[in-house]
Amino acid sequence: SITIYIYVVSDKYIESLEIANAIRHSIESHIYKDNEITIDVIKLES
């Protein structure tokens, strides 16, 4: 069971929101498998 953090840092508030939203789209619900690793559904915790 793994927990990761991602911090988006900007000097512009709206920009920080937009980047965080895009990163959420790139990570949340992602499933991945190759010959090295299997990652089950990634869920936003907070």
All heavy atoms as atom14 arrays in JSON, in Angstrom:
{
  "sequence": "SITIYIYVVSDKYIESLEIANAIRHSIESHIYKDNEITIDVIKLES",
  "atom14_mask": [
    [1, 1, 1, 1, 1, 1, 0, 0, 0, 0, 0, 0, 0, 0],
    [1, 1, 1, 1, 1, 1, 1, 1, 0, 0, 0, 0, 0, 0],
    [1, 1, 1, 1, 1, 1, 1, 0, 0, 0, 0, 0, 0, 0],
    [1, 1, 1, 1, 1, 1, 1, 1, 0, 0, 0, 0, 0, 0],
    [1, 1, 1, 1, 1, 1, 1, 1, 1, 1, 1, 1, 0, 0],
    [1, 1, 1, 1, 1, 1, 1, 1, 0, 0, 0, 0, 0, 0],
    [1, 1, 1, 1, 1, 1, 1, 1, 1, 1, 1, 1, 0, 0],
    [1, 1, 1, 1, 1, 1, 1, 0, 0, 0, 0, 0, 0, 0],
    [1, 1, 1, 1, 1, 1, 1, 0, 0, 0, 0, 0, 0, 0],
    [1, 1, 1, 1, 1, 1, 0, 0, 0, 0, 0, 0, 0, 0],
    [1, 1, 1, 1, 1, 1, 1, 1, 0, 0, 0, 0, 0, 0],
    [1, 1, 1, 1, 1, 1, 1, 1, 1, 0, 0, 0, 0, 0],
    [1, 1, 1, 1, 1, 1, 1, 1, 1, 1, 1, 1, 0, 0],
    [1, 1, 1, 1, 1, 1, 1, 1, 0, 0, 0, 0, 0, 0],
    [1, 1, 1, 1, 1, 1, 1, 1, 1, 0, 0, 0, 0, 0],
    [1, 1, 1, 1, 1, 1, 0, 0, 0, 0, 0, 0, 0, 0],
    [1, 1, 1, 1, 1, 1, 1, 1, 0, 0, 0, 0, 0, 0],
    [1, 1, 1, 1, 1, 1, 1, 1, 1, 0, 0, 0, 0, 0],
    [1, 1, 1, 1, 1, 1, 1, 1, 0, 0, 0, 0, 0, 0],
    [1, 1, 1, 1, 1, 0, 0, 0, 0, 0, 0, 0, 0, 0],
    [1, 1, 1, 1, 1, 1, 1, 1, 0, 0, 0, 0, 0, 0],
    [1, 1, 1, 1, 1, 0, 0, 0, 0, 0, 0, 0, 0, 0],
    [1, 1, 1, 1, 1, 1, 1, 1, 0, 0, 0, 0, 0, 0],
    [1, 1, 1, 1, 1, 1, 1, 1, 1, 1, 1, 0, 0, 0],
    [1, 1, 1, 1, 1, 1, 1, 1, 1, 1, 0, 0, 0, 0],
    [1, 1, 1, 1, 1, 1, 0, 0, 0, 0, 0, 0, 0, 0],
    [1, 1, 1, 1, 1, 1, 1, 1, 0, 0, 0, 0, 0, 0],
    [1, 1, 1, 1, 1, 1, 1, 1, 1, 0, 0, 0, 0, 0],
    [1, 1, 1, 1, 1, 1, 0, 0, 0, 0, 0, 0, 0, 0],
    [1, 1, 1, 1, 1, 1, 1, 1, 1, 1, 0, 0, 0, 0],
    [1, 1, 1, 1, 1, 1, 1, 1, 0, 0, 0, 0, 0, 0],
    [1, 1, 1, 1, 1, 1, 1, 1, 1, 1, 1, 1, 0, 0],
    [1, 1, 1, 1, 1, 1, 1, 1, 1, 0, 0, 0, 0, 0],
    [1, 1, 1, 1, 1, 1, 1, 1, 0, 0, 0, 0, 0, 0],
    [1, 1, 1, 1, 1, 1, 1, 1, 0, 0, 0, 0, 0, 0],
    [1, 1, 1, 1, 1, 1, 1, 1, 1, 0, 0, 0, 0, 0],
    [1, 1, 1, 1, 1, 1, 1, 1, 0, 0, 0, 0, 0, 0],
    [1, 1, 1, 1, 1, 1, 1, 0, 0, 0, 0, 0, 0, 0],
    [1, 1, 1, 1, 1, 1, 1, 1, 0, 0, 0, 0, 0, 0],
    [1, 1, 1, 1, 1, 1, 1, 1, 0, 0, 0, 0, 0, 0],
    [1, 1, 1, 1, 1, 1, 1, 0, 0, 0, 0, 0, 0, 0],
    [1, 1, 1, 1, 1, 1, 1, 1, 0, 0, 0, 0, 0, 0],
    [1, 1, 1, 1, 1, 1, 1, 1, 1, 0, 0, 0, 0, 0],
    [1, 1, 1, 1, 1, 1, 1, 1, 0, 0, 0, 0, 0, 0],
    [1, 1, 1, 1, 1, 1, 1, 1, 1, 0, 0, 0, 0, 0],
    [1, 1, 1, 1, 1, 1, 0, 0, 0, 0, 0, 0, 0, 0]
  ],
  "atom14_positions": [
    [[0.87, -1.17, 0.0], [0.0, 0.0, 0.0], [0.91, 1.22, 0.0], [1.78, 1.35, 0.86], [-0.89, 0.01, 1.24], [-1.75, -1.09, 1.21], [0.0, 0.0, 0.0], [0.0, 0.0, 0.0], [0.0, 0.0, 0.0], [0.0, 0.0, 0.0], [0.0, 0.0, 0.0], [0.0, 0.0, 0.0], [0.0, 0.0, 0.0], [0.0, 0.0, 0.0]],
    [[0.69, 2.1, -0.96], [1.6, 3.23, -1.15], [0.82, 4.53, -1.09], [-0.29, 4.63, -1.61], [2.33, 3.11, -2.5], [3.2, 1.85, -2.46], [3.16, 4.35, -2.79], [3.92, 1.55, -3.74], [0.0, 0.0, 0.0], [0.0, 0.0, 0.0], [0.0, 0.0, 0.0], [0.0, 0.0, 0.0], [0.0, 0.0, 0.0], [0.0, 0.0, 0.0]],
    [[1.42, 5.52, -0.45], [0.9, 6.88, -0.45], [1.99, 7.79, -1.0], [3.15, 7.7, -0.58], [0.49, 7.34, 0.96], [-0.46, 6.42, 1.48], [-0.11, 8.74, 0.94], [0.0, 0.0, 0.0], [0.0, 0.0, 0.0], [0.0, 0.0, 0.0], [0.0, 0.0, 0.0], [0.0, 0.0, 0.0], [0.0, 0.0, 0.0], [0.0, 0.0, 0.0]],
    [[1.61, 8.62, -1.95], [2.56, 9.6, -2.5], [1.98, 11.0, -2.34], [0.77, 11.16, -2.17], [2.85, 9.34, -4.0], [1.57, 9.42, -4.83], [3.57, 8.02, -4.21], [1.79, 9.81, -6.26], [0.0, 0.0, 0.0], [0.0, 0.0, 0.0], [0.0, 0.0, 0.0], [0.0, 0.0, 0.0], [0.0, 0.0, 0.0], [0.0, 0.0, 0.0]],
    [[2.85, 11.98, -2.37], [2.39, 13.37, -2.37], [2.89, 14.05, -3.63], [3.93, 13.68, -4.19], [2.87, 14.13, -1.13], [4.36, 14.32, -1.08], [4.97, 15.42, -1.69], [5.18, 13.4, -0.42], [6.34, 15.59, -1.65], [6.54, 13.57, -0.37], [7.13, 14.66, -0.99], [8.49, 14.83, -0.96], [0.0, 0.0, 0.0], [0.0, 0.0, 0.0]],
    [[2.13, 15.03, -4.07], [2.53, 15.89, -5.18], [2.18, 17.31, -4.76], [1.03, 17.59, -4.43], [1.8, 15.51, -6.49], [2.12, 14.07, -6.87], [2.2, 16.49, -7.6], [1.31, 13.54, -8.04], [0.0, 0.0, 0.0], [0.0, 0.0, 0.0], [0.0, 0.0, 0.0], [0.0, 0.0, 0.0], [0.0, 0.0, 0.0], [0.0, 0.0, 0.0]],
    [[3.18, 18.18, -4.75], [2.97, 19.59, -4.42], [3.17, 20.42, -5.68], [4.19, 20.28, -6.36], [3.96, 20.07, -3.36], [3.84, 19.42, -2.01], [4.85, 19.58, -1.06], [2.75, 18.64, -1.66], [4.76, 18.99, 0.19], [2.66, 18.05, -0.4], [3.67, 18.23, 0.51], [3.58, 17.63, 1.74], [0.0, 0.0, 0.0], [0.0, 0.0, 0.0]],
    [[2.21, 21.26, -5.97], [2.31, 22.21, -7.07], [2.55, 23.58, -6.45], [1.79, 24.02, -5.58], [1.02, 22.24, -7.91], [1.11, 23.3, -8.99], [0.74, 20.86, -8.51], [0.0, 0.0, 0.0], [0.0, 0.0, 0.0], [0.0, 0.0, 0.0], [0.0, 0.0, 0.0], [0.0, 0.0, 0.0], [0.0, 0.0, 0.0], [0.0, 0.0, 0.0]],
    [[3.61, 24.24, -6.9], [4.0, 25.53, -6.31], [4.07, 26.58, -7.42], [4.74, 26.38, -8.43], [5.36, 25.42, -5.59], [5.72, 26.72, -4.89], [5.37, 24.24, -4.61], [0.0, 0.0, 0.0], [0.0, 0.0, 0.0], [0.0, 0.0, 0.0], [0.0, 0.0, 0.0], [0.0, 0.0, 0.0], [0.0, 0.0, 0.0], [0.0, 0.0, 0.0]],
    [[3.36, 27.69, -7.2], [3.34, 28.76, -8.18], [3.21, 30.11, -7.47], [2.73, 30.17, -6.34], [2.15, 28.57, -9.14], [2.07, 29.65, -10.05], [0.0, 0.0, 0.0], [0.0, 0.0, 0.0], [0.0, 0.0, 0.0], [0.0, 0.0, 0.0], [0.0, 0.0, 0.0], [0.0, 0.0, 0.0], [0.0, 0.0, 0.0], [0.0, 0.0, 0.0]],
    [[3.61, 31.15, -8.16], [3.4, 32.49, -7.62], [2.06, 33.06, -8.07], [1.71, 34.18, -7.73], [4.56, 33.43, -7.99], [4.77, 33.56, -9.49], [4.2, 32.77, -10.26], [5.53, 34.46, -9.89], [0.0, 0.0, 0.0], [0.0, 0.0, 0.0], [0.0, 0.0, 0.0], [0.0, 0.0, 0.0], [0.0, 0.0, 0.0], [0.0, 0.0, 0.0]],
    [[1.3, 32.27, -8.82], [-0.04, 32.66, -9.27], [-1.04, 31.6, -8.79], [-0.91, 30.42, -9.12], [-0.09, 32.77, -10.79], [0.84, 33.83, -11.34], [0.84, 33.8, -12.86], [1.84, 34.75, -13.44], [3.19, 34.19, -13.48], [0.0, 0.0, 0.0], [0.0, 0.0, 0.0], [0.0, 0.0, 0.0], [0.0, 0.0, 0.0], [0.0, 0.0, 0.0]],
    [[-2.03, 32.04, -8.04], [-3.0, 31.12, -7.44], [-3.73, 30.27, -8.49], [-3.77, 29.04, -8.4], [-4.0, 31.88, -6.58], [-5.04, 30.99, -5.95], [-4.69, 30.08, -4.97], [-6.37, 31.05, -6.35], [-5.64, 29.25, -4.39], [-7.33, 30.23, -5.78], [-6.95, 29.32, -4.79], [-7.88, 28.5, -4.23], [0.0, 0.0, 0.0], [0.0, 0.0, 0.0]],
    [[-4.33, 30.91, -9.49], [-5.1, 30.18, -10.5], [-4.2, 29.21, -11.25], [-4.6, 28.08, -11.55], [-5.82, 31.14, -11.47], [-6.82, 32.02, -10.71], [-6.5, 30.38, -12.6], [-7.9, 31.25, -9.95], [0.0, 0.0, 0.0], [0.0, 0.0, 0.0], [0.0, 0.0, 0.0], [0.0, 0.0, 0.0], [0.0, 0.0, 0.0], [0.0, 0.0, 0.0]],
    [[-2.98, 29.61, -11.55], [-2.03, 28.72, -12.21], [-1.77, 27.48, -11.37], [-1.74, 26.36, -11.89], [-0.72, 29.46, -12.49], [0.31, 28.61, -13.2], [1.58, 29.4, -13.5], [2.23, 29.87, -12.53], [1.91, 29.53, -14.69], [0.0, 0.0, 0.0], [0.0, 0.0, 0.0], [0.0, 0.0, 0.0], [0.0, 0.0, 0.0], [0.0, 0.0, 0.0]],
    [[-1.62, 27.65, -10.05], [-1.4, 26.49, -9.18], [-2.58, 25.53, -9.23], [-2.41, 24.32, -9.25], [-1.11, 26.93, -7.74], [-2.28, 27.4, -7.07], [0.0, 0.0, 0.0], [0.0, 0.0, 0.0], [0.0, 0.0, 0.0], [0.0, 0.0, 0.0], [0.0, 0.0, 0.0], [0.0, 0.0, 0.0], [0.0, 0.0, 0.0], [0.0, 0.0, 0.0]],
    [[-3.8, 26.08, -9.29], [-5.0, 25.25, -9.38], [-5.05, 24.5, -10.71], [-5.37, 23.3, -10.75], [-6.26, 26.11, -9.26], [-6.52, 26.79, -7.92], [-7.73, 27.7, -8.04], [-6.71, 25.77, -6.82], [0.0, 0.0, 0.0], [0.0, 0.0, 0.0], [0.0, 0.0, 0.0], [0.0, 0.0, 0.0], [0.0, 0.0, 0.0], [0.0, 0.0, 0.0]],
    [[-4.76, 25.2, -11.8], [-4.83, 24.57, -13.12], [-3.8, 23.45, -13.28], [-4.1, 22.39, -13.83], [-4.66, 25.63, -14.2], [-5.85, 26.56, -14.29], [-5.65, 27.75, -15.2], [-4.49, 28.07, -15.56], [-6.67, 28.38, -15.56], [0.0, 0.0, 0.0], [0.0, 0.0, 0.0], [0.0, 0.0, 0.0], [0.0, 0.0, 0.0], [0.0, 0.0, 0.0]],
    [[-2.6, 23.66, -12.78], [-1.56, 22.62, -12.86], [-1.95, 21.44, -11.98], [-1.83, 20.28, -12.4], [-0.18, 23.19, -12.47], [0.27, 24.24, -13.49], [0.85, 22.05, -12.36], [1.46, 25.07, -13.05], [0.0, 0.0, 0.0], [0.0, 0.0, 0.0], [0.0, 0.0, 0.0], [0.0, 0.0, 0.0], [0.0, 0.0, 0.0], [0.0, 0.0, 0.0]],
    [[-2.42, 21.71, -10.77], [-2.85, 20.62, -9.88], [-3.98, 19.82, -10.52], [-3.98, 18.58, -10.44], [-3.28, 21.18, -8.53], [0.0, 0.0, 0.0], [0.0, 0.0, 0.0], [0.0, 0.0, 0.0], [0.0, 0.0, 0.0], [0.0, 0.0, 0.0], [0.0, 0.0, 0.0], [0.0, 0.0, 0.0], [0.0, 0.0, 0.0], [0.0, 0.0, 0.0]],
    [[-4.9, 20.49, -11.15], [-6.01, 19.81, -11.81], [-5.51, 18.91, -12.95], [-5.95, 17.78, -13.1], [-7.01, 20.84, -12.32], [-8.33, 20.23, -12.69], [-8.93, 19.52, -11.88], [-8.79, 20.51, -13.89], [0.0, 0.0, 0.0], [0.0, 0.0, 0.0], [0.0, 0.0, 0.0], [0.0, 0.0, 0.0], [0.0, 0.0, 0.0], [0.0, 0.0, 0.0]],
    [[-4.58, 19.43, -13.75], [-4.01, 18.63, -14.84], [-3.24, 17.43, -14.31], [-3.35, 16.32, -14.86], [-3.1, 19.51, -15.69], [0.0, 0.0, 0.0], [0.0, 0.0, 0.0], [0.0, 0.0, 0.0], [0.0, 0.0, 0.0], [0.0, 0.0, 0.0], [0.0, 0.0, 0.0], [0.0, 0.0, 0.0], [0.0, 0.0, 0.0], [0.0, 0.0, 0.0]],
    [[-2.5, 17.62, -13.24], [-1.76, 16.5, -12.65], [-2.73, 15.47, -12.09], [-2.54, 14.27, -12.25], [-0.76, 17.0, -11.59], [0.39, 17.73, -12.3], [-0.24, 15.84, -10.74], [1.37, 18.4, -11.4], [0.0, 0.0, 0.0], [0.0, 0.0, 0.0], [0.0, 0.0, 0.0], [0.0, 0.0, 0.0], [0.0, 0.0, 0.0], [0.0, 0.0, 0.0]],
    [[-3.79, 15.94, -11.46], [-4.8, 15.01, -10.96], [-5.33, 14.16, -12.12], [-5.45, 12.94, -11.99], [-5.95, 15.77, -10.3], [-7.04, 14.85, -9.8], [-8.18, 15.61, -9.18], [-9.18, 14.68, -8.67], [-10.28, 15.04, -8.07], [-10.54, 16.33, -7.87], [-11.14, 14.13, -7.64], [0.0, 0.0, 0.0], [0.0, 0.0, 0.0], [0.0, 0.0, 0.0]],
    [[-5.63, 14.8, -13.26], [-6.12, 14.06, -14.43], [-5.09, 13.04, -14.92], [-5.46, 11.99, -15.44], [-6.48, 15.01, -15.56], [-7.67, 15.87, -15.26], [-7.95, 17.0, -15.98], [-8.64, 15.77, -14.32], [-9.04, 17.57, -15.5], [-9.47, 16.84, -14.49], [0.0, 0.0, 0.0], [0.0, 0.0, 0.0], [0.0, 0.0, 0.0], [0.0, 0.0, 0.0]],
    [[-3.8, 13.36, -14.79], [-2.75, 12.46, -15.28], [-2.52, 11.27, -14.36], [-1.98, 10.25, -14.8], [-1.44, 13.23, -15.48], [-0.82, 13.52, -14.24], [0.0, 0.0, 0.0], [0.0, 0.0, 0.0], [0.0, 0.0, 0.0], [0.0, 0.0, 0.0], [0.0, 0.0, 0.0], [0.0, 0.0, 0.0], [0.0, 0.0, 0.0], [0.0, 0.0, 0.0]],
    [[-2.92, 11.39, -13.1], [-2.61, 10.35, -12.1], [-3.84, 9.58, -11.65], [-3.83, 8.35, -11.6], [-1.98, 11.02, -10.84], [-0.72, 11.78, -11.2], [-1.74, 10.01, -9.75], [0.54, 11.01, -11.15], [0.0, 0.0, 0.0], [0.0, 0.0, 0.0], [0.0, 0.0, 0.0], [0.0, 0.0, 0.0], [0.0, 0.0, 0.0], [0.0, 0.0, 0.0]],
    [[-4.91, 10.29, -11.32], [-6.09, 9.66, -10.72], [-6.7, 8.61, -11.65], [-6.8, 8.82, -12.85], [-7.14, 10.72, -10.39], [-8.27, 10.19, -9.54], [-9.23, 11.29, -9.12], [-9.45, 12.24, -9.91], [-9.74, 11.21, -8.0], [0.0, 0.0, 0.0], [0.0, 0.0, 0.0], [0.0, 0.0, 0.0], [0.0, 0.0, 0.0], [0.0, 0.0, 0.0]],
    [[-7.04, 7.48, -11.08], [-7.63, 6.33, -11.78], [-6.65, 5.64, -12.73], [-7.04, 4.75, -13.47], [-8.89, 6.73, -12.53], [-9.84, 7.25, -11.64], [0.0, 0.0, 0.0], [0.0, 0.0, 0.0], [0.0, 0.0, 0.0], [0.0, 0.0, 0.0], [0.0, 0.0, 0.0], [0.0, 0.0, 0.0], [0.0, 0.0, 0.0], [0.0, 0.0, 0.0]],
    [[-5.39, 6.06, -12.7], [-4.37, 5.46, -13.57], [-4.09, 4.03, -13.11], [-4.0, 3.75, -11.91], [-3.09, 6.29, -13.5], [-2.24, 6.19, -14.71], [-2.27, 7.11, -15.72], [-1.33, 5.26, -15.08], [-1.42, 6.77, -16.66], [-0.83, 5.65, -16.29], [0.0, 0.0, 0.0], [0.0, 0.0, 0.0], [0.0, 0.0, 0.0], [0.0, 0.0, 0.0]],
    [[-3.95, 3.13, -14.05], [-3.52, 1.75, -13.82], [-2.35, 1.51, -14.76], [-2.36, 1.96, -15.91], [-4.65, 0.75, -14.15], [-5.86, 1.0, -13.25], [-4.17, -0.68, -14.02], [-7.1, 0.22, -13.65], [0.0, 0.0, 0.0], [0.0, 0.0, 0.0], [0.0, 0.0, 0.0], [0.0, 0.0, 0.0], [0.0, 0.0, 0.0], [0.0, 0.0, 0.0]],
    [[-1.33, 0.81, -14.27], [-0.14, 0.62, -15.1], [0.46, -0.75, -14.8], [0.5, -1.19, -13.65], [0.88, 1.71, -14.81], [2.12, 1.62, -15.65], [2.14, 2.16, -16.94], [3.25, 0.97, -15.19], [3.27, 2.07, -17.73], [4.39, 0.87, -15.98], [4.39, 1.42, -17.25], [5.5, 1.32, -18.03], [0.0, 0.0, 0.0], [0.0, 0.0, 0.0]],
    [[0.96, -1.38, -15.85], [1.64, -2.67, -15.68], [2.69, -2.82, -16.77], [2.43, -2.53, -17.94], [0.65, -3.82, -15.75], [1.29, -5.17, -15.52], [0.27, -6.28, -15.51], [0.98, -7.59, -15.2], [0.06, -8.68, -14.98], [0.0, 0.0, 0.0], [0.0, 0.0, 0.0], [0.0, 0.0, 0.0], [0.0, 0.0, 0.0], [0.0, 0.0, 0.0]],
    [[3.89, -3.21, -16.36], [4.92, -3.62, -17.3], [5.67, -4.79, -16.67], [5.22, -5.33, -15.66], [5.82, -2.45, -17.72], [6.67, -1.87, -16.6], [6.8, -2.51, -15.53], [7.22, -0.77, -16.79], [0.0, 0.0, 0.0], [0.0, 0.0, 0.0], [0.0, 0.0, 0.0], [0.0, 0.0, 0.0], [0.0, 0.0, 0.0], [0.0, 0.0, 0.0]],
    [[6.81, -5.17, -17.23], [7.53, -6.33, -16.68], [8.24, -6.02, -15.37], [8.77, -6.92, -14.73], [8.5, -6.89, -17.72], [9.56, -5.89, -18.12], [9.51, -4.71, -17.76], [10.53, -6.34, -18.89], [0.0, 0.0, 0.0], [0.0, 0.0, 0.0], [0.0, 0.0, 0.0], [0.0, 0.0, 0.0], [0.0, 0.0, 0.0], [0.0, 0.0, 0.0]],
    [[8.23, -4.76, -14.95], [8.91, -4.36, -13.72], [7.96, -4.12, -12.55], [8.3, -4.37, -11.4], [9.72, -3.08, -13.99], [10.57, -2.61, -12.83], [11.44, -1.44, -13.21], [10.91, -0.34, -13.5], [12.67, -1.62, -13.2], [0.0, 0.0, 0.0], [0.0, 0.0, 0.0], [0.0, 0.0, 0.0], [0.0, 0.0, 0.0], [0.0, 0.0, 0.0]],
    [[6.74, -3.63, -12.85], [5.86, -3.18, -11.77], [4.39, -3.25, -12.21], [4.09, -3.15, -13.4], [6.23, -1.73, -11.36], [5.72, -1.39, -9.98], [5.79, -0.73, -12.4], [6.36, -0.14, -9.39], [0.0, 0.0, 0.0], [0.0, 0.0, 0.0], [0.0, 0.0, 0.0], [0.0, 0.0, 0.0], [0.0, 0.0, 0.0], [0.0, 0.0, 0.0]],
    [[3.52, -3.43, -11.23], [2.07, -3.34, -11.44], [1.54, -2.31, -10.47], [1.73, -2.44, -9.26], [1.37, -4.69, -11.2], [1.89, -5.64, -12.14], [-0.13, -4.58, -11.38], [0.0, 0.0, 0.0], [0.0, 0.0, 0.0], [0.0, 0.0, 0.0], [0.0, 0.0, 0.0], [0.0, 0.0, 0.0], [0.0, 0.0, 0.0], [0.0, 0.0, 0.0]],
    [[0.89, -1.28, -11.0], [0.29, -0.23, -10.18], [-1.22, -0.32, -10.36], [-1.71, -0.2, -11.48], [0.81, 1.17, -10.59], [2.33, 1.24, -10.39], [0.09, 2.27, -9.81], [2.96, 2.49, -10.94], [0.0, 0.0, 0.0], [0.0, 0.0, 0.0], [0.0, 0.0, 0.0], [0.0, 0.0, 0.0], [0.0, 0.0, 0.0], [0.0, 0.0, 0.0]],
    [[-1.92, -0.57, -9.26], [-3.37, -0.64, -9.32], [-3.96, 0.76, -9.3], [-3.23, 1.74, -9.22], [-3.9, -1.48, -8.15], [-3.51, -2.95, -8.3], [-3.37, -3.42, -9.45], [-3.32, -3.62, -7.27], [0.0, 0.0, 0.0], [0.0, 0.0, 0.0], [0.0, 0.0, 0.0], [0.0, 0.0, 0.0], [0.0, 0.0, 0.0], [0.0, 0.0, 0.0]],
    [[-5.25, 0.87, -9.35], [-5.95, 2.15, -9.49], [-5.43, 3.18, -8.48], [-5.46, 2.95, -7.27], [-7.46, 1.97, -9.32], [-8.18, 3.29, -9.44], [-8.0, 0.98, -10.32], [0.0, 0.0, 0.0], [0.0, 0.0, 0.0], [0.0, 0.0, 0.0], [0.0, 0.0, 0.0], [0.0, 0.0, 0.0], [0.0, 0.0, 0.0], [0.0, 0.0, 0.0]],
    [[-4.99, 4.32, -8.99], [-4.5, 5.41, -8.15], [-5.69, 6.28, -7.76], [-6.45, 6.71, -8.62], [-3.43, 6.23, -8.89], [-2.24, 5.33, -9.26], [-2.98, 7.41, -8.03], [-1.19, 6.0, -10.13], [0.0, 0.0, 0.0], [0.0, 0.0, 0.0], [0.0, 0.0, 0.0], [0.0, 0.0, 0.0], [0.0, 0.0, 0.0], [0.0, 0.0, 0.0]],
    [[-5.81, 6.52, -6.46], [-6.95, 7.29, -5.94], [-6.47, 8.54, -5.22], [-5.53, 8.49, -4.44], [-7.76, 6.43, -4.97], [-8.31, 5.18, -5.61], [-8.96, 4.29, -4.57], [-9.37, 2.96, -5.2], [-9.73, 1.98, -4.22], [0.0, 0.0, 0.0], [0.0, 0.0, 0.0], [0.0, 0.0, 0.0], [0.0, 0.0, 0.0], [0.0, 0.0, 0.0]],
    [[-7.16, 9.64, -5.49], [-6.88, 10.88, -4.76], [-7.38, 10.71, -3.34], [-8.53, 10.38, -3.11], [-7.58, 12.07, -5.43], [-7.39, 13.41, -4.73], [-5.94, 13.87, -4.82], [-8.3, 14.45, -5.35], [0.0, 0.0, 0.0], [0.0, 0.0, 0.0], [0.0, 0.0, 0.0], [0.0, 0.0, 0.0], [0.0, 0.0, 0.0], [0.0, 0.0, 0.0]],
    [[-6.5, 10.9, -2.38], [-6.86, 10.79, -0.97], [-7.27, 12.15, -0.41], [-8.25, 12.27, 0.32], [-5.68, 10.24, -0.17], [-5.98, 10.01, 1.28], [-4.82, 9.34, 1.98], [-4.75, 8.11, 1.94], [-3.98, 10.08, 2.54], [0.0, 0.0, 0.0], [0.0, 0.0, 0.0], [0.0, 0.0, 0.0], [0.0, 0.0, 0.0], [0.0, 0.0, 0.0]],
    [[-6.52, 13.19, -0.76], [-6.85, 14.53, -0.28], [-6.1, 15.58, -1.09], [-5.12, 15.29, -1.75], [-6.49, 14.68, 1.21], [-5.08, 14.67, 1.37], [0.0, 0.0, 0.0], [0.0, 0.0, 0.0], [0.0, 0.0, 0.0], [0.0, 0.0, 0.0], [0.0, 0.0, 0.0], [0.0, 0.0, 0.0], [0.0, 0.0, 0.0], [0.0, 0.0, 0.0]]
  ]
}
